[in-house]
Protein backbone atom coordinates (compact mmCIF):
# COMPACT_ATOMS: atom_id res chain seq x y z
CA MET A 1 -67.84 -77.01 108.94
CA GLN A 2 -68.06 -78.43 105.36
CA VAL A 3 -67.36 -75.68 102.78
CA VAL A 4 -69.71 -75.46 99.70
CA PRO A 5 -68.34 -74.75 96.25
CA THR A 6 -68.99 -71.51 95.02
CA ALA A 7 -68.16 -71.96 91.46
CA SER A 8 -71.57 -73.61 90.36
CA LEU A 9 -75.16 -72.74 91.15
CA MET A 10 -76.27 -76.23 91.62
CA ILE A 11 -76.75 -77.44 95.36
CA ASP A 12 -73.87 -80.02 96.25
CA ALA A 13 -75.61 -83.18 95.22
CA GLU A 14 -73.35 -85.37 97.64
CA ILE A 15 -74.41 -83.38 100.65
CA VAL A 16 -78.08 -83.61 99.51
CA GLU A 17 -77.73 -86.98 99.52
CA ASN A 18 -76.12 -87.68 102.71
CA ALA A 19 -78.30 -85.18 104.80
CA LYS A 20 -81.45 -86.79 102.97
CA THR A 21 -80.43 -90.70 104.38
CA ILE A 22 -79.98 -88.64 108.05
CA LEU A 23 -83.62 -87.53 107.83
CA SER A 24 -85.29 -90.39 106.65
CA GLN A 25 -83.67 -92.21 109.42
CA VAL A 26 -84.97 -89.27 112.13
CA ILE A 27 -88.43 -89.63 110.24
CA THR A 28 -88.87 -93.24 111.08
CA GLN A 29 -88.28 -92.71 114.53
CA ILE A 30 -90.77 -90.04 114.87
CA PRO A 31 -94.32 -91.73 116.11
CA GLN A 32 -96.92 -90.86 114.42
CA SER A 33 -99.17 -90.39 116.96
CA THR A 34 -97.84 -87.62 118.09
CA GLN A 35 -98.45 -84.03 116.68
CA GLY A 36 -98.37 -80.64 117.26
CA LEU A 37 -96.19 -78.92 119.63
CA GLU A 38 -95.31 -82.83 121.38
CA ARG A 39 -93.97 -83.37 117.57
CA GLN A 40 -91.97 -80.30 117.70
CA ILE A 41 -90.33 -81.49 121.48
CA PHE A 42 -89.79 -84.90 119.98
CA ILE A 43 -88.00 -83.79 116.81
CA GLY A 44 -85.69 -81.46 119.26
CA ASP A 45 -84.79 -83.86 121.58
CA PHE A 46 -84.27 -86.21 118.85
CA VAL A 47 -82.12 -84.06 116.75
CA GLU A 48 -80.01 -83.14 119.85
CA LYS A 49 -79.25 -86.65 120.65
CA LEU A 50 -77.85 -87.17 117.09
CA PRO A 51 -73.85 -87.87 116.93
CA LEU A 52 -72.34 -84.39 115.84
CA GLU A 53 -71.71 -85.58 112.74
CA ASN A 54 -74.83 -85.90 111.32
CA ARG A 55 -75.87 -82.87 112.99
CA GLN A 56 -73.36 -81.12 110.93
CA MET A 57 -74.16 -82.73 107.53
CA LEU A 58 -78.16 -81.54 108.32
CA LYS A 59 -76.51 -78.06 108.82
CA SER A 60 -74.32 -78.47 105.48
CA PHE A 61 -77.45 -79.11 103.35
CA VAL A 62 -79.02 -75.35 104.91
CA GLU A 63 -75.97 -73.99 104.34
CA CYS A 64 -75.92 -75.01 100.90
CA LEU A 65 -79.01 -73.06 100.81
CA LEU A 66 -77.96 -70.24 102.31
CA LEU A 67 -75.06 -69.96 100.74
CA ARG A 68 -76.63 -70.28 96.98
CA MET A 69 -78.33 -66.82 98.18
CA SER A 70 -75.54 -64.84 97.47
CA LEU A 71 -75.13 -66.64 93.78
CA ILE A 72 -78.91 -65.91 92.70
CA ASN A 73 -78.78 -62.42 94.23
CA ALA A 74 -81.68 -63.23 96.64
CA SER A 75 -82.40 -61.17 99.79
CA ASP A 76 -84.20 -63.69 101.69
CA ILE A 77 -84.79 -67.68 101.77
CA ASP A 78 -88.19 -69.49 103.32
CA PHE A 79 -88.93 -73.03 103.71
CA GLY A 80 -91.23 -75.07 105.93
CA GLY A 81 -94.45 -74.83 107.30
CA PHE A 82 -97.47 -75.78 106.03
CA GLY A 83 -97.77 -72.56 103.64
CA GLY A 84 -94.52 -73.49 102.31
CA HIS A 85 -95.85 -75.97 100.20
CA GLN A 86 -92.60 -78.72 100.02
CA LYS A 87 -90.66 -75.88 98.63
CA VAL A 88 -87.51 -73.80 99.06
CA TRP A 89 -88.32 -69.77 98.15
CA TYR A 90 -86.43 -67.01 97.35
CA ARG A 91 -86.70 -63.51 97.24
CA ILE A 92 -84.90 -61.92 94.29
CA PHE A 93 -84.81 -58.30 93.72
CA GLY A 94 -87.99 -58.06 95.44
CA ALA A 95 -90.03 -61.14 93.86
CA LYS A 96 -90.70 -64.44 96.33
CA LYS A 97 -90.70 -67.48 94.34
CA PRO A 98 -89.97 -71.45 94.67
CA ASP A 99 -86.76 -72.87 93.43
CA PRO A 100 -87.48 -74.73 90.44
CA THR A 101 -84.35 -76.97 90.66
CA MET A 102 -84.90 -78.38 94.27
CA ASP A 103 -86.63 -81.33 95.08
CA PRO A 104 -89.73 -81.27 97.66
CA LEU A 105 -88.81 -81.18 101.36
CA SER A 106 -91.42 -82.86 103.08
CA ILE A 107 -92.83 -80.99 106.41
CA ASP A 108 -90.81 -83.25 108.53
CA GLU A 109 -87.55 -82.65 106.46
CA THR A 110 -88.01 -78.77 107.13
CA ASN A 111 -89.14 -79.40 110.75
CA ILE A 112 -85.88 -81.36 111.52
CA LEU A 113 -83.70 -79.27 109.26
CA ILE A 114 -84.53 -76.17 111.36
CA GLN A 115 -84.13 -77.99 114.30
CA SER A 116 -80.41 -78.78 113.95
CA LEU A 117 -79.75 -74.97 113.23
CA ILE A 118 -80.79 -74.23 117.19
CA SER A 119 -79.82 -74.64 120.51
CA SER A 120 -81.43 -76.51 122.96
CA ARG A 121 -81.96 -73.54 124.69
CA GLN A 122 -83.46 -71.59 121.66
CA ARG A 123 -85.41 -74.68 121.40
CA GLN A 124 -87.44 -74.18 124.64
CA TYR A 125 -87.51 -70.56 124.02
CA LEU A 126 -89.10 -71.41 120.49
CA TYR A 127 -91.84 -73.76 121.96
CA GLU A 128 -93.07 -71.10 124.31
CA MET A 129 -93.17 -68.33 122.23
CA LYS A 130 -94.09 -70.03 118.88
CA ASN A 131 -91.34 -67.70 117.56
CA LEU A 132 -87.51 -67.08 118.00
CA ASP A 133 -85.49 -65.13 116.16
CA PHE A 134 -81.91 -65.42 115.82
CA SER A 135 -78.25 -65.10 114.15
CA TYR A 136 -76.71 -67.38 112.11
CA MET A 137 -72.96 -67.31 110.48
CA ILE A 138 -71.62 -69.49 107.96
CA MET A 139 -67.62 -69.74 106.73
CA ASP A 140 -67.03 -70.38 103.36
CA GLY A 141 -63.05 -70.14 103.15
CA ASP A 142 -61.78 -66.99 104.21
CA LYS A 143 -65.80 -65.51 103.48
CA MET A 144 -68.08 -65.11 106.68
CA HIS A 145 -71.68 -64.96 105.09
CA ARG A 146 -74.08 -63.85 108.36
CA PHE A 147 -78.17 -64.36 108.37
CA ARG A 148 -80.94 -63.16 110.18
CA ALA A 149 -83.21 -65.65 110.57
CA ASP A 150 -87.06 -66.08 112.17
CA ALA A 151 -88.22 -69.56 113.29
CA TYR A 152 -92.14 -69.78 113.74
CA MET A 153 -95.27 -71.65 113.64
CA ASP A 154 -96.70 -72.74 110.79
CA LEU A 155 -100.50 -74.89 111.64
CA ASP A 156 -98.17 -76.51 113.93
CA GLN A 157 -95.01 -76.63 112.02
CA LEU A 158 -92.01 -74.94 111.71
CA ALA A 159 -91.10 -72.55 108.81
CA LEU A 160 -88.02 -70.10 108.44
CA ASN A 161 -87.21 -67.00 106.88
CA MET A 162 -83.55 -66.14 106.99
CA ARG A 163 -82.39 -63.00 105.56
CA ALA A 164 -78.57 -62.50 104.52
CA ILE A 165 -76.91 -59.82 106.10
CA ASN A 166 -74.61 -57.78 103.44
CA ALA A 167 -70.80 -58.39 104.22
CA THR A 168 -69.88 -55.00 104.14
CA VAL A 169 -71.24 -51.64 104.39
CA ARG A 170 -72.79 -49.57 102.00
CA PRO A 171 -70.82 -46.40 102.11
CA TYR A 172 -72.90 -43.38 103.61
CA LYS A 173 -71.59 -40.90 100.63
CA THR A 174 -73.78 -43.23 97.83
CA LEU A 175 -77.10 -42.58 100.55
CA GLU A 176 -76.91 -39.12 98.60
CA LEU A 177 -78.19 -37.07 101.14
CA HIS A 178 -78.29 -33.47 101.86
CA PRO A 179 -75.54 -32.22 104.01
CA ASN A 180 -78.04 -30.88 106.53
CA VAL A 181 -79.33 -34.78 107.32
CA THR A 182 -75.30 -35.56 107.30
CA LYS A 183 -74.96 -33.15 109.75
CA ILE A 184 -78.15 -34.20 112.25
CA VAL A 185 -76.90 -37.91 112.08
CA SER A 186 -73.15 -36.99 112.35
CA LEU A 187 -71.91 -36.72 116.21
CA ALA A 188 -69.58 -34.49 115.14
CA HIS A 189 -72.03 -31.45 114.35
CA THR A 190 -75.10 -32.65 116.48
CA LYS A 191 -74.40 -34.75 120.59
CA GLU A 192 -77.96 -35.12 120.83
CA GLY A 193 -81.55 -35.90 119.82
CA LEU A 194 -83.60 -38.88 118.15
CA ILE A 195 -82.69 -40.20 114.50
CA LEU A 196 -85.67 -42.42 113.15
CA ILE A 197 -85.53 -44.28 109.98
CA THR A 198 -88.38 -46.09 109.55
CA GLY A 199 -90.29 -48.29 106.37
CA ILE A 200 -91.95 -51.76 106.06
CA THR A 201 -89.97 -54.95 106.09
CA GLY A 202 -87.60 -55.14 103.86
CA SER A 203 -87.26 -51.95 103.11
CA GLY A 204 -83.39 -51.04 103.54
CA LYS A 205 -83.95 -49.37 107.07
CA SER A 206 -81.15 -51.53 108.61
CA THR A 207 -78.59 -50.88 105.61
CA THR A 208 -79.30 -46.92 105.83
CA LEU A 209 -78.65 -47.70 109.53
CA ASP A 210 -75.31 -49.20 109.20
CA ALA A 211 -74.13 -46.56 106.86
CA MET A 212 -75.03 -43.72 109.40
CA ILE A 213 -73.25 -45.68 112.19
CA ASP A 214 -70.23 -46.38 109.95
CA LEU A 215 -69.76 -42.83 108.86
CA ASN A 216 -69.75 -42.09 112.61
CA ASN A 217 -67.50 -45.15 113.68
CA HIS A 218 -64.68 -43.61 111.00
CA THR A 219 -65.04 -40.23 111.38
CA VAL A 220 -65.66 -39.26 114.95
CA ASP A 221 -63.79 -40.81 118.19
CA GLY A 222 -66.26 -42.24 120.51
CA HIS A 223 -68.40 -45.03 122.11
CA ILE A 224 -71.33 -46.42 120.09
CA VAL A 225 -73.50 -49.09 121.83
CA VAL A 226 -75.81 -51.26 119.43
CA VAL A 227 -78.48 -52.98 120.83
CA ALA A 228 -80.59 -55.25 118.35
CA SER A 229 -82.55 -58.52 117.28
CA PRO A 230 -80.63 -60.36 116.03
CA ILE A 231 -77.17 -58.43 115.45
CA GLU A 232 -77.10 -57.74 111.77
CA TYR A 233 -73.71 -56.39 110.75
CA VAL A 234 -70.86 -56.62 112.73
CA HIS A 235 -69.15 -53.32 113.07
CA LYS A 236 -65.59 -53.13 113.16
CA SER A 237 -64.37 -50.32 115.81
CA ASP A 238 -62.54 -47.53 114.29
CA ARG A 239 -62.49 -43.77 116.05
CA CYS A 240 -65.54 -45.37 118.25
CA ILE A 241 -65.61 -48.24 120.32
CA VAL A 242 -69.04 -50.34 118.77
CA ARG A 243 -70.32 -52.41 121.13
CA HIS A 244 -73.09 -54.98 119.93
CA ARG A 245 -75.68 -56.65 122.46
CA GLU A 246 -77.96 -58.90 121.05
CA VAL A 247 -81.50 -59.49 122.37
CA GLY A 248 -81.81 -62.45 124.29
CA ARG A 249 -78.39 -63.59 123.92
CA ASP A 250 -76.27 -60.35 125.42
CA VAL A 251 -79.36 -58.43 127.03
CA LEU A 252 -82.82 -59.50 128.34
CA SER A 253 -85.08 -56.79 125.74
CA PHE A 254 -84.11 -53.75 124.12
CA LYS A 255 -85.55 -51.49 126.91
CA ASP A 256 -82.86 -53.29 128.92
CA GLY A 257 -80.31 -53.00 126.64
CA ALA A 258 -80.94 -48.82 126.34
CA ILE A 259 -81.20 -48.58 130.03
CA GLN A 260 -78.13 -50.42 130.40
CA ALA A 261 -76.62 -48.63 127.86
CA LEU A 262 -76.78 -45.18 129.88
CA ARG A 263 -73.86 -46.64 132.41
CA GLN A 264 -71.71 -47.97 129.51
CA ASP A 265 -70.68 -44.59 128.90
CA PRO A 266 -71.92 -44.39 125.45
CA ASP A 267 -71.93 -41.22 122.73
CA ILE A 268 -74.19 -43.48 120.47
CA ILE A 269 -77.23 -45.54 121.49
CA MET A 270 -78.54 -47.84 118.72
CA ILE A 271 -82.18 -49.13 119.45
CA GLY A 272 -82.78 -51.69 116.59
CA GLU A 273 -86.58 -50.99 117.01
CA MET A 274 -89.41 -49.40 118.83
CA ARG A 275 -91.55 -52.29 118.79
CA ASP A 276 -93.42 -51.55 121.93
CA PRO A 277 -94.48 -48.88 124.11
CA GLU A 278 -91.67 -49.38 126.90
CA THR A 279 -89.06 -49.25 124.04
CA ILE A 280 -90.70 -45.84 122.83
CA MET A 281 -90.74 -44.45 126.04
CA THR A 282 -87.12 -45.20 127.15
CA GLY A 283 -85.65 -44.39 123.28
CA LEU A 284 -86.97 -40.59 124.39
CA GLU A 285 -86.40 -40.87 128.23
CA ILE A 286 -82.41 -41.65 127.03
CA THR A 287 -82.63 -39.44 124.26
CA ASP A 288 -83.82 -36.64 126.75
CA SER A 289 -80.87 -37.49 128.72
CA GLY A 290 -78.72 -35.70 126.26
CA HIS A 291 -77.50 -38.87 124.02
CA LYS A 292 -77.64 -39.39 120.46
CA VAL A 293 -79.98 -41.84 119.42
CA PHE A 294 -80.62 -44.28 116.39
CA SER A 295 -83.57 -46.15 116.22
CA THR A 296 -86.50 -47.81 113.59
CA LEU A 297 -90.20 -48.08 113.13
CA HIS A 298 -92.21 -49.97 110.59
CA THR A 299 -94.15 -47.15 108.89
CA ALA A 300 -94.65 -45.88 105.52
CA SER A 301 -94.39 -41.88 106.36
CA ALA A 302 -92.84 -39.56 108.25
CA VAL A 303 -96.23 -38.47 109.57
CA GLU A 304 -97.31 -41.96 110.03
CA SER A 305 -94.58 -42.61 111.95
CA ILE A 306 -95.26 -39.37 114.66
CA ASP A 307 -99.10 -40.82 114.70
CA ARG A 308 -97.43 -44.21 115.83
CA ILE A 309 -94.95 -43.19 118.43
CA ILE A 310 -97.82 -41.60 119.80
CA GLY A 311 -100.65 -43.98 119.42
CA GLU A 312 -98.48 -46.87 120.92
CA VAL A 313 -98.40 -45.35 124.30
CA PRO A 314 -101.65 -45.17 127.25
CA HIS A 315 -103.73 -42.35 126.51
CA VAL A 316 -102.78 -40.68 129.28
CA GLU A 317 -99.50 -40.74 128.54
CA GLN A 318 -99.93 -39.34 124.75
CA ASP A 319 -99.72 -35.80 125.27
CA ARG A 320 -96.39 -35.99 127.46
CA VAL A 321 -94.83 -37.95 124.88
CA ARG A 322 -96.28 -35.78 121.95
CA MET A 323 -94.37 -33.26 123.78
CA ARG A 324 -91.31 -35.03 124.41
CA PHE A 325 -90.99 -36.67 120.80
CA ALA A 326 -91.06 -32.78 119.44
CA ASP A 327 -88.52 -31.63 121.92
CA VAL A 328 -85.81 -34.78 120.75
CA CYS A 329 -86.58 -35.60 117.49
CA LYS A 330 -83.96 -34.48 115.54
CA ILE A 331 -85.37 -35.76 112.09
CA VAL A 332 -87.41 -38.95 110.38
CA LEU A 333 -86.69 -40.82 106.94
CA SER A 334 -88.87 -42.90 105.92
CA GLN A 335 -88.05 -45.15 102.85
CA LYS A 336 -89.36 -47.59 100.19
CA LEU A 337 -87.35 -49.71 98.07
CA ILE A 338 -88.96 -49.53 94.46
CA PRO A 339 -88.49 -51.73 91.58
CA SER A 340 -86.07 -50.33 89.33
CA LEU A 341 -85.83 -50.23 85.28
CA ASP A 342 -82.53 -52.40 85.22
CA GLY A 343 -84.34 -54.99 87.14
CA LYS A 344 -83.15 -54.13 90.56
CA ARG A 345 -84.84 -52.07 93.16
CA VAL A 346 -83.99 -48.28 93.96
CA ALA A 347 -84.03 -46.31 97.48
CA ALA A 348 -86.76 -43.72 97.90
CA ARG A 349 -87.30 -41.60 101.04
CA GLU A 350 -89.03 -39.01 102.50
CA ILE A 351 -87.56 -36.87 104.90
CA MET A 352 -88.81 -34.68 107.77
CA ILE A 353 -86.20 -32.65 109.82
CA MET A 354 -87.64 -31.28 112.76
CA ASN A 355 -87.55 -27.48 112.65
CA PRO A 356 -89.94 -25.18 114.59
CA SER A 357 -92.70 -25.25 112.13
CA VAL A 358 -92.79 -29.01 111.91
CA ARG A 359 -92.29 -29.15 116.15
CA ALA A 360 -94.81 -26.47 116.82
CA ALA A 361 -97.26 -28.84 114.78
CA ILE A 362 -96.71 -31.88 116.34
CA LYS A 363 -96.93 -30.31 119.89
CA ASN A 364 -100.38 -28.75 119.13
CA GLY A 365 -101.50 -32.02 117.49
CA ASN A 366 -101.70 -30.54 113.73
CA THR A 367 -99.66 -33.41 112.01
CA GLY A 368 -102.02 -32.99 108.87
CA GLU A 369 -100.09 -29.70 108.40
CA ILE A 370 -96.67 -31.28 108.20
CA TYR A 371 -96.76 -33.11 104.70
CA GLN A 372 -97.28 -29.60 103.28
CA MET A 373 -94.23 -27.92 105.50
CA ILE A 374 -92.14 -31.08 104.35
CA GLN A 375 -92.96 -30.28 100.59
CA GLU A 376 -91.82 -26.62 100.78
CA SER A 377 -88.69 -27.38 102.79
CA SER A 378 -86.50 -29.24 99.77
CA GLU A 379 -83.78 -26.30 100.30
CA ILE A 380 -83.14 -27.23 104.15
CA GLY A 381 -83.31 -30.99 102.69
CA MET A 382 -86.62 -32.26 103.31
CA GLN A 383 -88.67 -34.35 100.52
CA THR A 384 -91.89 -36.04 100.49
CA MET A 385 -91.94 -39.81 98.87
CA GLU A 386 -93.78 -38.23 95.95
CA GLN A 387 -91.22 -35.79 95.55
CA ASP A 388 -88.34 -38.18 95.51
CA LEU A 389 -90.49 -40.67 93.54
CA LYS A 390 -91.15 -37.80 90.75
CA ARG A 391 -86.91 -37.23 91.01
CA LEU A 392 -86.61 -41.13 90.37
CA TYR A 393 -89.20 -41.07 87.48
CA GLN A 394 -87.47 -38.07 85.59
CA GLN A 395 -83.99 -39.76 86.30
CA LYS A 396 -85.60 -42.59 84.27
CA LYS A 397 -84.51 -45.00 87.16
CA ILE A 398 -88.18 -45.77 87.52
CA SER A 399 -91.34 -46.66 85.46
CA LEU A 400 -94.16 -44.17 86.16
CA GLU A 401 -96.36 -46.94 87.08
CA SER A 402 -94.14 -47.62 90.18
CA ALA A 403 -93.83 -44.01 90.96
CA MET A 404 -97.75 -44.39 91.49
CA ASN A 405 -98.20 -47.58 93.18
CA TYR A 406 -95.22 -46.82 95.77
CA ALA A 407 -96.84 -43.47 96.28
CA ASN A 408 -98.35 -42.65 99.52
CA ASN A 409 -100.76 -40.54 97.95
CA LYS A 410 -101.57 -41.35 94.37
CA LYS A 411 -103.39 -38.26 93.85
CA ARG A 412 -100.52 -35.70 95.27
CA MET A 413 -98.13 -38.23 93.02
CA GLN A 414 -100.29 -37.39 90.03
CA GLN A 415 -100.61 -33.91 90.64
CA ILE A 416 -97.03 -33.13 90.65
CA ILE A 417 -96.13 -35.53 88.03
CA ASN A 418 -97.95 -33.31 85.71
CA THR A 419 -96.50 -29.87 87.44
């Protein structure tokens, strides 16, 4: 694998030139009459037949773009597809912008580059499902860089997003969570229950979840099974055996991975995402069997998370799911990444701990009462998103404008800012 010098912000000119030559040669072989999926299949077949050296050169070009991410503090890279407008886009501290230093890449060039990163089996899945989640790794000398990737169709053309995965896990203590929260997430104190980390895409859920897994890995003797799509941070077994099972690679689905984990003598099962009714039901069932389960959900608040889980299952199952969720869930932690005054981002969190009052409100279908319960229970570790935003504002970490913009309830935010 060709290694890119990391001393410069510029892309290696020789690699670009060699890759451009190969791209031009491939493009001349694509029949102009071939469009849509047939065009992608033709490109994939042609890339598969390229000499290994040529395919590696195409990969090296993309890897230059990926290695650039760490130099410019980018979390994500996007290119390809109709909407890419022939540019390479980076997200830096929350803002996604095209790279002004990069020459345009035509749609066919990005189609070929994306096809060069995946295997023939992955191509078949992409053609069928119009989307492919996969992980990608680069060795830069002794340093390993890992990325979570999503290839998808954009008006018949291939587009790609890749997110950099932290090479090191964030220490749990830097999350600055209440001692009661730590007791709930630690296997040393609580042997069972569902721990939900929620937030929109890019809110740092994986970072928080990995910190919690790392805490258990280094403090408790046990077995952790991670089921994710794709696997992001790879934990090195310490006091725990940590197994990593990637959906589509090591196991067929989240549901299958969770069920199979029960036969693998686990202490903790991490389900990367509760993304469908089957996974939600399975997650609740394996938690109900006495295991400790960590998972994520794409919701912006604790109350919304409850409503989403109940609303995702068929109507005839909702009462049963409501009761089971109230019984097995231990904590819901919802977070957002807020632009900070130093030009970076800082996490704001809403924390709902399942005490008897919250549990009763869920069972009785009175989720509208829960916000007030969270707001009045700071002594046991609960807090609303608005309370945490106020804390960050008072600590001069974020602006008042950001506090208002990221509040779930702007009227309540205004009220607590003024008190």
